[in-house]
């Protein structure tokens, strides 16, 4: 299976939208769709790893596909708002590293 860089993923989604999707939905609509997709992911997670049991309608759901739906809409939002997700993620990791370098290691709740 082909590996995608984040930049390539953003370009691929943009090309798909312009080829098949006519145009992006508005940013607000995509934010609502993102929330919906995260909810669908949460439903599968709660049933797979939590205490809830599956309903018949849930059995057709695929965890990887639900995660990809979340990524798709997030990438759409990034494209629409001019966010370079590669740059944003690298900066976010740098921020977390400097802020949390010892925080989690010192958290007694995380120690075995």
Protein backbone atom coordinates (compact mmCIF):
# COMPACT_ATOMS: atom_id res chain seq x y z
CA UNK A 1 0.00 0.00 0.00
CA UNK A 2 1.25 3.47 -0.87
CA UNK A 3 2.57 5.60 2.00
CA UNK A 4 1.43 9.22 2.05
CA UNK A 5 3.24 12.20 3.47
CA UNK A 6 0.94 14.71 5.16
CA UNK A 7 1.50 17.25 2.38
CA UNK A 8 0.62 14.61 -0.21
CA UNK A 9 -2.53 13.73 1.70
CA UNK A 10 -3.58 17.38 1.71
CA UNK A 11 -2.92 17.62 -2.04
CA UNK A 12 -4.75 14.35 -2.74
CA UNK A 13 -7.85 15.44 -0.81
CA UNK A 14 -7.80 18.83 -2.55
CA UNK A 15 -7.56 17.18 -5.96
CA UNK A 16 -10.40 14.78 -5.11
CA UNK A 17 -12.64 17.62 -3.92
CA UNK A 18 -12.00 19.61 -7.10
CA UNK A 19 -12.51 16.55 -9.32
CA UNK A 20 -15.45 14.77 -7.69
CA UNK A 21 -16.76 16.98 -4.92
CA UNK A 22 -17.35 20.13 -7.01
CA UNK A 23 -16.18 22.34 -4.12
CA UNK A 24 -15.48 22.20 -0.40
CA UNK A 25 -18.43 22.46 1.94
CA UNK A 26 -18.26 25.62 4.03
CA UNK A 27 -15.85 25.60 6.95
CA UNK A 28 -18.73 25.59 9.42
CA UNK A 29 -20.40 22.66 7.65
CA UNK A 30 -17.12 20.75 7.67
CA UNK A 31 -16.68 21.48 11.37
CA UNK A 32 -20.11 19.98 12.00
CA UNK A 33 -19.23 16.98 9.82
CA UNK A 34 -15.96 16.54 11.74
CA UNK A 35 -17.90 16.48 14.99
CA UNK A 36 -20.25 13.88 13.52
CA UNK A 37 -17.35 11.72 12.33
CA UNK A 38 -15.62 11.91 15.72
CA UNK A 39 -18.91 10.79 17.28
CA UNK A 40 -19.05 7.78 14.97
CA UNK A 41 -15.46 6.92 15.91
CA UNK A 42 -16.31 7.31 19.60
CA UNK A 43 -19.28 4.97 19.21
CA UNK A 44 -17.08 2.20 17.76
CA UNK A 45 -14.39 2.78 20.39
CA UNK A 46 -16.94 2.62 23.21
CA UNK A 47 -18.31 -0.65 21.90
CA UNK A 48 -14.94 -2.21 21.05
CA UNK A 49 -12.90 -1.11 24.08
CA UNK A 50 -15.52 0.15 26.50
CA UNK A 51 -18.45 -1.34 28.31
CA UNK A 52 -21.16 -0.84 25.71
CA UNK A 53 -22.35 -3.74 23.59
CA UNK A 54 -22.66 -3.58 19.82
CA UNK A 55 -25.98 -2.93 18.15
CA UNK A 56 -26.66 -4.69 14.86
CA UNK A 57 -26.18 -1.39 13.03
CA UNK A 58 -22.72 -1.01 14.59
CA UNK A 59 -21.41 -4.36 13.40
CA UNK A 60 -20.87 -3.03 9.87
CA UNK A 61 -18.67 -0.18 11.11
CA UNK A 62 -14.92 -0.33 10.60
CA UNK A 63 -12.59 1.38 13.09
CA UNK A 64 -9.94 2.22 10.49
CA UNK A 65 -12.53 3.65 8.13
CA UNK A 66 -14.00 5.81 10.89
CA UNK A 67 -10.52 7.15 11.72
CA UNK A 68 -9.94 7.87 8.02
CA UNK A 69 -13.25 9.78 7.87
CA UNK A 70 -12.03 11.97 10.74
CA UNK A 71 -8.71 12.56 8.96
CA UNK A 72 -10.47 13.36 5.68
CA UNK A 73 -12.60 16.13 7.15
CA UNK A 74 -9.71 17.48 9.22
CA UNK A 75 -7.62 17.67 6.06
CA UNK A 76 -10.48 19.46 4.29
CA UNK A 77 -10.59 22.03 7.08
CA UNK A 78 -6.82 22.47 6.94
CA UNK A 79 -6.92 22.99 3.19
CA UNK A 80 -9.74 25.50 3.45
CA UNK A 81 -8.07 27.54 6.18
CA UNK A 82 -4.53 27.44 4.77
CA UNK A 83 -3.07 25.24 7.50
CA UNK A 84 -0.02 23.16 6.56
CA UNK A 85 -0.67 20.10 8.73
CA UNK A 86 2.91 18.87 8.39
CA UNK A 87 4.28 22.13 9.78
CA UNK A 88 1.53 22.35 12.40
CA UNK A 89 2.17 18.82 13.66
CA UNK A 90 5.92 19.33 13.87
CA UNK A 91 5.43 22.57 15.82
CA UNK A 92 2.89 20.85 18.08
CA UNK A 93 5.29 17.99 18.84
CA UNK A 94 8.02 20.53 19.63
CA UNK A 95 5.63 22.40 21.97
CA UNK A 96 4.60 19.20 23.74
CA UNK A 97 8.21 18.06 24.06
CA UNK A 98 9.40 21.28 25.68
CA UNK A 99 6.31 21.60 27.88
CA UNK A 100 5.94 17.95 28.90
CA UNK A 101 9.53 16.65 28.81
CA UNK A 102 9.27 15.27 32.36
CA UNK A 103 5.60 15.82 33.22
CA UNK A 104 4.35 12.38 32.25
CA UNK A 105 7.40 10.56 33.59
CA UNK A 106 6.78 12.20 36.95
CA UNK A 107 3.04 11.38 36.96
CA UNK A 108 2.45 8.71 39.61
CA UNK A 109 -0.81 7.75 37.88
CA UNK A 110 1.17 6.53 34.86
CA UNK A 111 3.72 4.45 36.75
CA UNK A 112 3.33 0.69 36.83
